[in-house]
C-alpha atoms as a PDB file:
ATOM      1  CA  MET A   1       0.000   0.000   0.000  1.00  0.00           C
ATOM      2  CA  PRO A   2       1.245   3.539  -0.714  1.00  0.00           C
ATOM      3  CA  SER A   3       2.520   5.553   2.214  1.00  0.00           C
ATOM      4  CA  THR A   4       0.342   8.350   3.582  1.00  0.00           C
ATOM      5  CA  SER A   5       3.178  10.895   3.327  1.00  0.00           C
ATOM      6  CA  ALA A   6       3.504  10.596  -0.467  1.00  0.00           C
ATOM      7  CA  SER A   7       1.954  13.179  -2.765  1.00  0.00           C
ATOM      8  CA  PRO A   8      -1.442  12.257  -4.258  1.00  0.00           C
ATOM      9  CA  LEU A   9       0.095  11.815  -7.719  1.00  0.00           C
ATOM     10  CA  THR A  10       2.838   9.550  -6.408  1.00  0.00           C
ATOM     11  CA  ALA A  11       0.284   7.538  -4.457  1.00  0.00           C
ATOM     12  CA  LEU A  12      -1.896   7.160  -7.568  1.00  0.00           C
ATOM     13  CA  LYS A  13       1.057   5.926  -9.623  1.00  0.00           C
ATOM     14  CA  GLN A  14       1.891   3.376  -6.928  1.00  0.00           C
ATOM     15  CA  ILE A  15      -1.705   2.157  -6.807  1.00  0.00           C
ATOM     16  CA  ARG A  16      -1.824   1.800 -10.609  1.00  0.00           C
ATOM     17  CA  ALA A  17       1.408  -0.175 -10.536  1.00  0.00           C
ATOM     18  CA  GLU A  18       0.028  -2.518  -7.873  1.00  0.00           C
ATOM     19  CA  TYR A  19      -3.414  -2.862  -9.468  1.00  0.00           C
ATOM     20  CA  PRO A  20      -3.248  -2.915 -13.273  1.00  0.00           C
ATOM     21  CA  ALA A  21      -6.227  -1.889 -15.407  1.00  0.00           C
ATOM     22  CA  PRO A  22      -9.158  -4.251 -14.995  1.00  0.00           C
ATOM     23  CA  ASP A  23     -10.059  -6.722 -17.721  1.00  0.00           C
ATOM     24  CA  LEU A  24     -13.728  -5.853 -17.211  1.00  0.00           C
ATOM     25  CA  ILE A  25     -15.019  -2.304 -17.522  1.00  0.00           C
ATOM     26  CA  SER A  26     -18.442  -0.725 -17.154  1.00  0.00           C
ATOM     27  CA  ILE A  27     -20.779   0.201 -19.988  1.00  0.00           C
ATOM     28  CA  PRO A  28     -20.329   3.961 -19.387  1.00  0.00           C
ATOM     29  CA  GLU A  29     -16.533   3.555 -19.516  1.00  0.00           C
ATOM     30  CA  THR A  30     -16.816   1.495 -22.708  1.00  0.00           C
ATOM     31  CA  ALA A  31     -19.139   4.086 -24.239  1.00  0.00           C
ATOM     32  CA  ARG A  32     -16.603   6.838 -23.522  1.00  0.00           C
ATOM     33  CA  ARG A  33     -13.816   4.785 -25.060  1.00  0.00           C
ATOM     34  CA  ILE A  34     -15.651   4.041 -28.311  1.00  0.00           C
ATOM     35  CA  GLY A  35     -17.669   7.245 -28.676  1.00  0.00           C
ATOM     36  CA  LEU A  36     -21.204   5.971 -28.178  1.00  0.00           C
ATOM     37  CA  HIS A  37     -23.875   7.068 -25.748  1.00  0.00           C
ATOM     38  CA  ALA A  38     -24.155   4.667 -22.809  1.00  0.00           C
ATOM     39  CA  ASP A  39     -27.909   4.194 -23.425  1.00  0.00           C
ATOM     40  CA  THR A  40     -27.164   3.039 -26.979  1.00  0.00           C
ATOM     41  CA  LEU A  41     -24.594   0.571 -25.715  1.00  0.00           C
ATOM     42  CA  TYR A  42     -26.980  -0.780 -23.050  1.00  0.00           C
ATOM     43  CA  ARG A  43     -29.601  -1.338 -25.786  1.00  0.00           C
ATOM     44  CA  LEU A  44     -27.070  -3.193 -27.928  1.00  0.00           C
ATOM     45  CA  CYS A  45     -26.162  -5.359 -24.934  1.00  0.00           C
ATOM     46  CA  ARG A  46     -29.779  -6.222 -24.141  1.00  0.00           C
ATOM     47  CA  THR A  47     -30.483  -7.210 -27.755  1.00  0.00           C
ATOM     48  CA  GLY A  48     -27.325  -9.321 -28.030  1.00  0.00           C
ATOM     49  CA  GLN A  49     -25.704  -7.092 -30.654  1.00  0.00           C
ATOM     50  CA  PHE A  50     -22.600  -6.229 -28.640  1.00  0.00           C
ATOM     51  CA  SER A  51     -20.659  -9.448 -28.055  1.00  0.00           C
ATOM     52  CA  PRO A  52     -17.843  -8.099 -25.823  1.00  0.00           C
ATOM     53  CA  ALA A  53     -20.428  -7.465 -23.094  1.00  0.00           C
ATOM     54  CA  ILE A  54     -21.332  -9.996 -20.436  1.00  0.00           C
ATOM     55  CA  GLN A  55     -24.014  -9.739 -17.801  1.00  0.00           C
ATOM     56  CA  ILE A  56     -22.923 -10.430 -14.236  1.00  0.00           C
ATOM     57  CA  GLY A  57     -25.938 -10.443 -11.973  1.00  0.00           C
ATOM     58  CA  GLY A  58     -27.903  -7.378 -12.993  1.00  0.00           C
ATOM     59  CA  ARG A  59     -24.889  -5.463 -14.300  1.00  0.00           C
ATOM     60  CA  TRP A  60     -23.231  -5.398 -17.696  1.00  0.00           C
ATOM     61  CA  ARG A  61     -19.459  -5.500 -17.971  1.00  0.00           C
ATOM     62  CA  VAL A  62     -17.258  -5.420 -21.047  1.00  0.00           C
ATOM     63  CA  SER A  63     -14.190  -7.585 -21.498  1.00  0.00           C
ATOM     64  CA  VAL A  64     -11.360  -5.305 -22.627  1.00  0.00           C
ATOM     65  CA  PRO A  65      -9.574  -8.027 -24.641  1.00  0.00           C
ATOM     66  CA  ARG A  66     -12.830  -8.998 -26.379  1.00  0.00           C
ATOM     67  CA  LEU A  67     -13.600  -5.304 -27.015  1.00  0.00           C
ATOM     68  CA  GLU A  68     -10.212  -4.878 -28.712  1.00  0.00           C
ATOM     69  CA  ARG A  69     -10.849  -7.904 -30.941  1.00  0.00           C
ATOM     70  CA  TYR A  70     -14.397  -6.686 -31.697  1.00  0.00           C
ATOM     71  CA  LEU A  71     -13.184  -3.224 -32.704  1.00  0.00           C
ATOM     72  CA  HIS A  72     -10.525  -4.729 -34.983  1.00  0.00           C
ATOM     73  CA  GLY A  73     -12.981  -7.108 -36.656  1.00  0.00           C
ATOM     74  CA  GLU A  74     -11.475 -10.219 -35.080  1.00  0.00           C
ATOM     75  CA  ASP A  75     -14.479 -11.186 -32.939  1.00  0.00           C
ATOM     76  CA  SER A  76     -15.568 -14.761 -33.544  1.00  0.00           C
ATOM     77  CA  HIS A  77     -18.826 -14.535 -31.563  1.00  0.00           C
ATOM     78  CA  PRO A  78     -22.108 -13.998 -33.445  1.00  0.00           C
END
């Protein structure tokens, strides 16, 4: 864990080094990354038209590796 005496920026860098970017991201984060409105992306998820998304409980999450493949036309899922 980062020390409490470190500057906020230093602490953030240490946290990012200890905890790399998650493989699953939220629909709003995905929407920001690909330039769609979150409501549009939720609709695509519900209708099965956005294959990188998976539903966990009542929440949708997007697999970053699958999103990368999907965006580059390498997605093998229907």
